[in-house]
Amino acid sequence: MSLLCELLSTEEDNLWDYTLPDGRNMQKAMEFLFPYLKDKSKWPYGADIEHFEDWPVRQPCLLLGGYAFGRPDYLALWRTLNPDPTNLEVQRNMAVTQPLLWLLRDEDIPLERLRIERTRSEGSVEFE
């Protein structure tokens, strides 16, 4: 869900901020998951997935949600989790293994930012 929010959001329609009529939203989902990703032993239910002992790993929702909601604690946890799980079942379930690639914007690249600033200061028109 976090990747869908990141990929499908626009300036006019930010899915990170969308709330269903019953109050559910991504921020509440992240607030629910975070303590269990941080300390799996606090999970109040039985082992509900195969290879439960091999989780959590570096979840994209922590990185994307950390940036979307301004939560440095999500980003700090993301940095501590295993980025390269060896369990094949865990690997199969990790659809996105390099979420940093989804965050990079043109203005985040130093040389591209310089080109954008130069173009704006010169008053020239940018062509895509």
N, C-alpha and C. Protein backbone atom coordinates (compact mmCIF):
# COMPACT_ATOMS: atom_id res chain seq x y z
N MET A 1 0.81 -1.20 0.00
CA MET A 1 0.00 0.00 0.00
C MET A 1 0.86 1.26 0.00
N SER A 2 1.96 1.22 0.73
CA SER A 2 2.79 2.42 0.80
C SER A 2 3.37 2.77 -0.57
N LEU A 3 3.78 1.77 -1.32
CA LEU A 3 4.32 2.06 -2.65
C LEU A 3 3.24 2.61 -3.57
N LEU A 4 2.03 2.09 -3.46
CA LEU A 4 0.93 2.63 -4.26
C LEU A 4 0.66 4.09 -3.90
N CYS A 5 0.69 4.41 -2.61
CA CYS A 5 0.51 5.80 -2.21
C CYS A 5 1.59 6.68 -2.83
N GLU A 6 2.82 6.21 -2.79
CA GLU A 6 3.93 7.00 -3.33
C GLU A 6 3.82 7.17 -4.84
N LEU A 7 3.52 6.08 -5.54
CA LEU A 7 3.50 6.12 -7.00
C LEU A 7 2.28 6.82 -7.58
N LEU A 8 1.15 6.68 -6.94
CA LEU A 8 -0.09 7.20 -7.51
C LEU A 8 -0.50 8.58 -6.99
N SER A 9 0.18 9.08 -5.98
CA SER A 9 -0.16 10.41 -5.47
C SER A 9 0.25 11.49 -6.45
N THR A 10 -0.54 12.54 -6.48
CA THR A 10 -0.22 13.72 -7.26
C THR A 10 -0.25 14.92 -6.31
N GLU A 11 0.16 16.07 -6.80
CA GLU A 11 0.10 17.26 -5.95
C GLU A 11 -1.34 17.57 -5.53
N GLU A 12 -2.30 17.28 -6.42
CA GLU A 12 -3.70 17.55 -6.13
C GLU A 12 -4.36 16.44 -5.33
N ASP A 13 -3.82 15.23 -5.39
CA ASP A 13 -4.46 14.08 -4.76
C ASP A 13 -3.40 13.23 -4.07
N ASN A 14 -3.06 13.62 -2.85
CA ASN A 14 -2.02 12.94 -2.08
C ASN A 14 -2.66 11.78 -1.32
N LEU A 15 -2.39 10.56 -1.77
CA LEU A 15 -3.01 9.39 -1.15
C LEU A 15 -2.50 9.12 0.26
N TRP A 16 -1.34 9.66 0.59
CA TRP A 16 -0.85 9.53 1.97
C TRP A 16 -1.80 10.23 2.94
N ASP A 17 -2.48 11.26 2.48
CA ASP A 17 -3.38 12.04 3.33
C ASP A 17 -4.83 11.60 3.24
N TYR A 18 -5.14 10.64 2.36
CA TYR A 18 -6.53 10.23 2.17
C TYR A 18 -7.04 9.45 3.38
N THR A 19 -8.26 9.74 3.79
CA THR A 19 -8.90 9.03 4.89
C THR A 19 -10.26 8.52 4.42
N LEU A 20 -10.52 7.25 4.69
CA LEU A 20 -11.83 6.66 4.37
C LEU A 20 -12.89 7.23 5.30
N PRO A 21 -14.16 7.15 4.92
CA PRO A 21 -15.23 7.66 5.78
C PRO A 21 -15.21 7.08 7.19
N ASP A 22 -14.73 5.84 7.34
CA ASP A 22 -14.70 5.23 8.67
C ASP A 22 -13.44 5.58 9.46
N GLY A 23 -12.59 6.46 8.89
CA GLY A 23 -11.41 6.95 9.61
C GLY A 23 -10.11 6.24 9.29
N ARG A 24 -10.15 5.14 8.54
CA ARG A 24 -8.92 4.43 8.20
C ARG A 24 -8.08 5.25 7.23
N ASN A 25 -6.76 5.21 7.46
CA ASN A 25 -5.84 5.89 6.55
C ASN A 25 -4.44 5.29 6.71
N MET A 26 -3.52 5.71 5.87
CA MET A 26 -2.17 5.16 5.90
C MET A 26 -1.42 5.53 7.18
N GLN A 27 -1.66 6.70 7.69
CA GLN A 27 -0.97 7.10 8.91
C GLN A 27 -1.36 6.19 10.07
N LYS A 28 -2.63 5.87 10.20
CA LYS A 28 -3.08 4.96 11.25
C LYS A 28 -2.51 3.56 11.03
N ALA A 29 -2.46 3.13 9.78
CA ALA A 29 -1.88 1.81 9.48
C ALA A 29 -0.42 1.75 9.91
N MET A 30 0.33 2.80 9.62
CA MET A 30 1.74 2.83 10.01
C MET A 30 1.89 2.89 11.53
N GLU A 31 1.04 3.67 12.18
CA GLU A 31 1.10 3.76 13.64
C GLU A 31 0.78 2.41 14.29
N PHE A 32 -0.08 1.62 13.65
CA PHE A 32 -0.40 0.29 14.16
C PHE A 32 0.80 -0.66 13.97
N LEU A 33 1.40 -0.66 12.79
CA LEU A 33 2.48 -1.61 12.47
C LEU A 33 3.80 -1.29 13.15
N PHE A 34 4.11 -0.02 13.31
CA PHE A 34 5.44 0.39 13.76
C PHE A 34 5.92 -0.32 15.02
N PRO A 35 5.14 -0.36 16.10
CA PRO A 35 5.68 -0.99 17.31
C PRO A 35 6.01 -2.47 17.12
N TYR A 36 5.29 -3.15 16.24
CA TYR A 36 5.54 -4.58 16.01
C TYR A 36 6.72 -4.80 15.08
N LEU A 37 6.93 -3.88 14.16
CA LEU A 37 8.13 -3.97 13.32
C LEU A 37 9.37 -3.67 14.16
N LYS A 38 9.21 -2.80 15.13
CA LYS A 38 10.31 -2.45 16.01
C LYS A 38 10.63 -3.58 16.99
N ASP A 39 9.60 -4.24 17.51
CA ASP A 39 9.79 -5.33 18.47
C ASP A 39 8.73 -6.40 18.21
N LYS A 40 9.13 -7.39 17.42
CA LYS A 40 8.20 -8.44 17.01
C LYS A 40 7.60 -9.19 18.20
N SER A 41 8.31 -9.23 19.32
CA SER A 41 7.82 -9.97 20.49
C SER A 41 6.55 -9.33 21.07
N LYS A 42 6.26 -8.10 20.70
CA LYS A 42 5.04 -7.43 21.19
C LYS A 42 3.80 -7.78 20.36
N TRP A 43 3.97 -8.51 19.25
CA TRP A 43 2.84 -8.89 18.39
C TRP A 43 1.85 -9.70 19.23
N PRO A 44 0.60 -9.22 19.37
CA PRO A 44 -0.35 -9.86 20.29
C PRO A 44 -1.03 -11.11 19.74
N TYR A 45 -0.74 -11.45 18.49
CA TYR A 45 -1.41 -12.57 17.84
C TYR A 45 -0.40 -13.69 17.61
N GLY A 46 -0.88 -14.81 17.14
CA GLY A 46 0.01 -15.91 16.81
C GLY A 46 0.82 -15.59 15.57
N ALA A 47 1.81 -16.43 15.31
CA ALA A 47 2.62 -16.26 14.09
C ALA A 47 1.70 -16.43 12.90
N ASP A 48 1.43 -15.33 12.21
CA ASP A 48 0.40 -15.33 11.18
C ASP A 48 0.92 -15.39 9.76
N ILE A 49 2.21 -15.53 9.60
CA ILE A 49 2.79 -15.65 8.27
C ILE A 49 3.82 -16.77 8.28
N GLU A 50 4.06 -17.31 7.09
CA GLU A 50 5.09 -18.33 6.97
C GLU A 50 6.45 -17.68 7.21
N HIS A 51 7.34 -18.40 7.86
CA HIS A 51 8.69 -17.91 8.17
C HIS A 51 8.65 -16.67 9.07
N PHE A 52 7.73 -16.68 10.02
CA PHE A 52 7.55 -15.57 10.96
C PHE A 52 8.86 -15.18 11.62
N GLU A 53 9.70 -16.18 11.90
CA GLU A 53 10.96 -15.91 12.60
C GLU A 53 11.94 -15.09 11.76
N ASP A 54 11.75 -15.06 10.45
CA ASP A 54 12.66 -14.31 9.57
C ASP A 54 12.24 -12.86 9.32
N TRP A 55 11.13 -12.47 9.90
CA TRP A 55 10.65 -11.09 9.77
C TRP A 55 10.89 -10.36 11.08
N PRO A 56 10.91 -9.04 11.10
CA PRO A 56 10.79 -8.14 9.95
C PRO A 56 12.14 -7.95 9.25
N VAL A 57 12.03 -7.49 8.04
CA VAL A 57 13.19 -7.05 7.28
C VAL A 57 12.95 -5.59 6.91
N ARG A 58 13.82 -5.03 6.15
CA ARG A 58 13.73 -3.61 5.81
C ARG A 58 12.49 -3.36 4.94
N GLN A 59 11.42 -2.93 5.60
CA GLN A 59 10.13 -2.72 4.94
C GLN A 59 10.08 -1.37 4.21
N PRO A 60 9.69 -1.35 2.94
CA PRO A 60 9.57 -0.08 2.23
C PRO A 60 8.60 0.89 2.91
N CYS A 61 7.58 0.38 3.59
CA CYS A 61 6.61 1.27 4.23
C CYS A 61 7.27 2.15 5.29
N LEU A 62 8.33 1.66 5.92
CA LEU A 62 9.01 2.49 6.92
C LEU A 62 9.73 3.66 6.27
N LEU A 63 10.38 3.42 5.17
CA LEU A 63 11.09 4.51 4.47
C LEU A 63 10.09 5.49 3.87
N LEU A 64 9.14 4.96 3.09
CA LEU A 64 8.19 5.84 2.41
C LEU A 64 7.29 6.56 3.41
N GLY A 65 6.80 5.84 4.41
CA GLY A 65 5.97 6.47 5.44
C GLY A 65 6.75 7.45 6.29
N GLY A 66 8.02 7.14 6.53
CA GLY A 66 8.87 8.06 7.29
C GLY A 66 8.98 9.41 6.62
N TYR A 67 9.17 9.40 5.30
CA TYR A 67 9.25 10.66 4.56
C TYR A 67 7.87 11.32 4.44
N ALA A 68 6.85 10.51 4.16
CA ALA A 68 5.51 11.08 3.95
C ALA A 68 4.96 11.75 5.21
N PHE A 69 5.25 11.16 6.37
CA PHE A 69 4.68 11.66 7.62
C PHE A 69 5.68 12.39 8.49
N GLY A 70 6.89 12.58 7.98
CA GLY A 70 7.91 13.28 8.76
C GLY A 70 8.24 12.55 10.05
N ARG A 71 8.45 11.24 9.96
CA ARG A 71 8.70 10.41 11.14
C ARG A 71 10.12 9.86 11.13
N PRO A 72 11.05 10.55 11.77
CA PRO A 72 12.43 10.06 11.80
C PRO A 72 12.56 8.71 12.50
N ASP A 73 11.63 8.37 13.40
CA ASP A 73 11.69 7.07 14.06
C ASP A 73 11.43 5.92 13.08
N TYR A 74 10.56 6.15 12.08
CA TYR A 74 10.35 5.14 11.04
C TYR A 74 11.64 4.96 10.23
N LEU A 75 12.27 6.08 9.88
CA LEU A 75 13.50 6.02 9.08
C LEU A 75 14.63 5.35 9.87
N ALA A 76 14.72 5.65 11.15
CA ALA A 76 15.76 5.05 11.99
C ALA A 76 15.57 3.54 12.07
N LEU A 77 14.36 3.08 12.24
CA LEU A 77 14.11 1.64 12.29
C LEU A 77 14.42 1.01 10.95
N TRP A 78 14.00 1.65 9.86
CA TRP A 78 14.28 1.12 8.52
C TRP A 78 15.78 0.87 8.35
N ARG A 79 16.60 1.80 8.83
CA ARG A 79 18.05 1.65 8.70
C ARG A 79 18.60 0.45 9.46
N THR A 80 17.94 0.05 10.55
CA THR A 80 18.47 -1.03 11.39
C THR A 80 18.04 -2.42 10.91
N LEU A 81 17.00 -2.52 10.12
CA LEU A 81 16.50 -3.83 9.70
C LEU A 81 17.32 -4.41 8.55
N ASN A 82 17.27 -5.73 8.43
CA ASN A 82 18.04 -6.46 7.43
C ASN A 82 17.63 -6.04 6.02
N PRO A 83 18.57 -5.48 5.24
CA PRO A 83 18.23 -5.04 3.88
C PRO A 83 18.29 -6.18 2.86
N ASP A 84 18.96 -7.26 3.20
CA ASP A 84 19.16 -8.36 2.24
C ASP A 84 18.84 -9.71 2.88
N PRO A 85 17.56 -10.00 3.07
CA PRO A 85 17.21 -11.28 3.69
C PRO A 85 17.64 -12.45 2.80
N THR A 86 18.07 -13.53 3.42
CA THR A 86 18.51 -14.70 2.66
C THR A 86 17.41 -15.73 2.50
N ASN A 87 16.36 -15.65 3.31
CA ASN A 87 15.26 -16.59 3.21
C ASN A 87 14.50 -16.35 1.91
N LEU A 88 14.38 -17.39 1.09
CA LEU A 88 13.75 -17.23 -0.23
C LEU A 88 12.28 -16.83 -0.14
N GLU A 89 11.57 -17.32 0.87
CA GLU A 89 10.17 -16.94 1.03
C GLU A 89 10.03 -15.46 1.39
N VAL A 90 10.91 -14.96 2.22
CA VAL A 90 10.90 -13.54 2.57
C VAL A 90 11.25 -12.71 1.34
N GLN A 91 12.25 -13.14 0.59
CA GLN A 91 12.62 -12.43 -0.64
C GLN A 91 11.45 -12.37 -1.61
N ARG A 92 10.75 -13.49 -1.74
CA ARG A 92 9.61 -13.55 -2.67
C ARG A 92 8.50 -12.57 -2.27
N ASN A 93 8.36 -12.35 -0.98
CA ASN A 93 7.30 -11.47 -0.48
C ASN A 93 7.70 -9.99 -0.43
N MET A 94 8.94 -9.69 -0.72
CA MET A 94 9.40 -8.30 -0.74
C MET A 94 9.37 -7.80 -2.19
N ALA A 95 8.25 -7.21 -2.55
CA ALA A 95 8.08 -6.76 -3.93
C ALA A 95 9.06 -5.64 -4.30
N VAL A 96 9.39 -4.81 -3.34
CA VAL A 96 10.31 -3.69 -3.59
C VAL A 96 11.49 -3.85 -2.64
N THR A 97 12.66 -4.06 -3.21
CA THR A 97 13.84 -4.26 -2.38
C THR A 97 14.72 -3.01 -2.30
N GLN A 98 14.49 -2.05 -3.17
CA GLN A 98 15.28 -0.82 -3.19
C GLN A 98 14.35 0.39 -3.21
N PRO A 99 13.64 0.66 -2.11
CA PRO A 99 12.66 1.75 -2.13
C PRO A 99 13.28 3.14 -2.27
N LEU A 100 14.57 3.27 -2.01
CA LEU A 100 15.20 4.58 -2.21
C LEU A 100 15.08 5.04 -3.65
N LEU A 101 15.05 4.10 -4.57
CA LEU A 101 14.92 4.45 -5.99
C LEU A 101 13.60 5.14 -6.28
N TRP A 102 12.59 4.89 -5.49
CA TRP A 102 11.27 5.47 -5.71
C TRP A 102 11.16 6.87 -5.12
N LEU A 103 12.10 7.26 -4.28
CA LEU A 103 12.04 8.57 -3.64
C LEU A 103 12.77 9.65 -4.42
N LEU A 104 13.69 9.28 -5.24
CA LEU A 104 14.54 10.25 -5.91
C LEU A 104 13.75 11.09 -6.92
N ARG A 105 13.84 12.36 -6.79
CA ARG A 105 13.19 13.29 -7.71
C ARG A 105 14.29 14.09 -8.43
N ASP A 106 13.99 14.65 -9.57
CA ASP A 106 14.99 15.41 -10.32
C ASP A 106 15.70 16.44 -9.45
N GLU A 107 14.92 17.16 -8.64
CA GLU A 107 15.51 18.22 -7.83
C GLU A 107 16.37 17.67 -6.68
N ASP A 108 16.30 16.35 -6.42
CA ASP A 108 17.13 15.74 -5.40
C ASP A 108 18.53 15.38 -5.92
N ILE A 109 18.71 15.41 -7.22
CA ILE A 109 20.00 15.09 -7.83
C ILE A 109 20.79 16.39 -7.97
N PRO A 110 21.96 16.49 -7.34
CA PRO A 110 22.68 17.78 -7.31
C PRO A 110 22.87 18.42 -8.68
N LEU A 111 23.33 17.68 -9.68
CA LEU A 111 23.55 18.30 -11.00
C LEU A 111 22.24 18.70 -11.66
N GLU A 112 21.21 17.90 -11.48
CA GLU A 112 19.91 18.25 -12.05
C GLU A 112 19.33 19.47 -11.34
N ARG A 113 19.50 19.55 -10.01
CA ARG A 113 19.02 20.71 -9.25
C ARG A 113 19.72 21.97 -9.75
N LEU A 114 21.04 21.88 -10.01
CA LEU A 114 21.79 23.02 -10.53
C LEU A 114 21.25 23.45 -11.88
N ARG A 115 20.94 22.47 -12.77
CA ARG A 115 20.38 22.78 -14.08
C ARG A 115 19.02 23.47 -13.94
N ILE A 116 18.19 22.97 -13.05
CA ILE A 116 16.86 23.57 -12.83
C ILE A 116 16.99 25.00 -12.32
N GLU A 117 17.87 25.21 -11.34
CA GLU A 117 18.08 26.56 -10.79
C GLU A 117 18.61 27.50 -11.85
N ARG A 118 19.56 27.04 -12.66
CA ARG A 118 20.14 27.88 -13.71
C ARG A 118 19.07 28.24 -14.73
N THR A 119 18.26 27.28 -15.12
CA THR A 119 17.20 27.52 -16.09
C THR A 119 16.21 28.55 -15.57
N ARG A 120 15.86 28.44 -14.30
CA ARG A 120 14.90 29.39 -13.70
C ARG A 120 15.50 30.78 -13.61
N SER A 121 16.79 30.87 -13.24
CA SER A 121 17.40 32.18 -13.08
C SER A 121 17.60 32.87 -14.44
N GLU A 122 17.78 32.09 -15.48
CA GLU A 122 17.95 32.67 -16.82
C GLU A 122 16.63 33.00 -17.47
N GLY A 123 15.56 32.52 -16.87
CA GLY A 123 14.24 32.80 -17.41
C GLY A 123 13.91 32.05 -18.68
N SER A 124 14.68 31.00 -18.96
CA SER A 124 14.41 30.24 -20.17
C SER A 124 13.35 29.18 -19.92
N VAL A 125 12.78 28.70 -20.99
CA VAL A 125 11.72 27.71 -20.93
C VAL A 125 12.34 26.32 -20.97
N GLU A 126 11.88 25.45 -20.08
CA GLU A 126 12.37 24.07 -20.08
C GLU A 126 11.52 23.23 -21.01
N PHE A 127 12.20 22.39 -21.78
CA PHE A 127 11.51 21.43 -22.64
C PHE A 127 11.83 20.05 -22.14
N GLU A 128 10.80 19.19 -22.05
CA GLU A 128 11.00 17.82 -21.56
C GLU A 128 11.44 16.96 -22.73
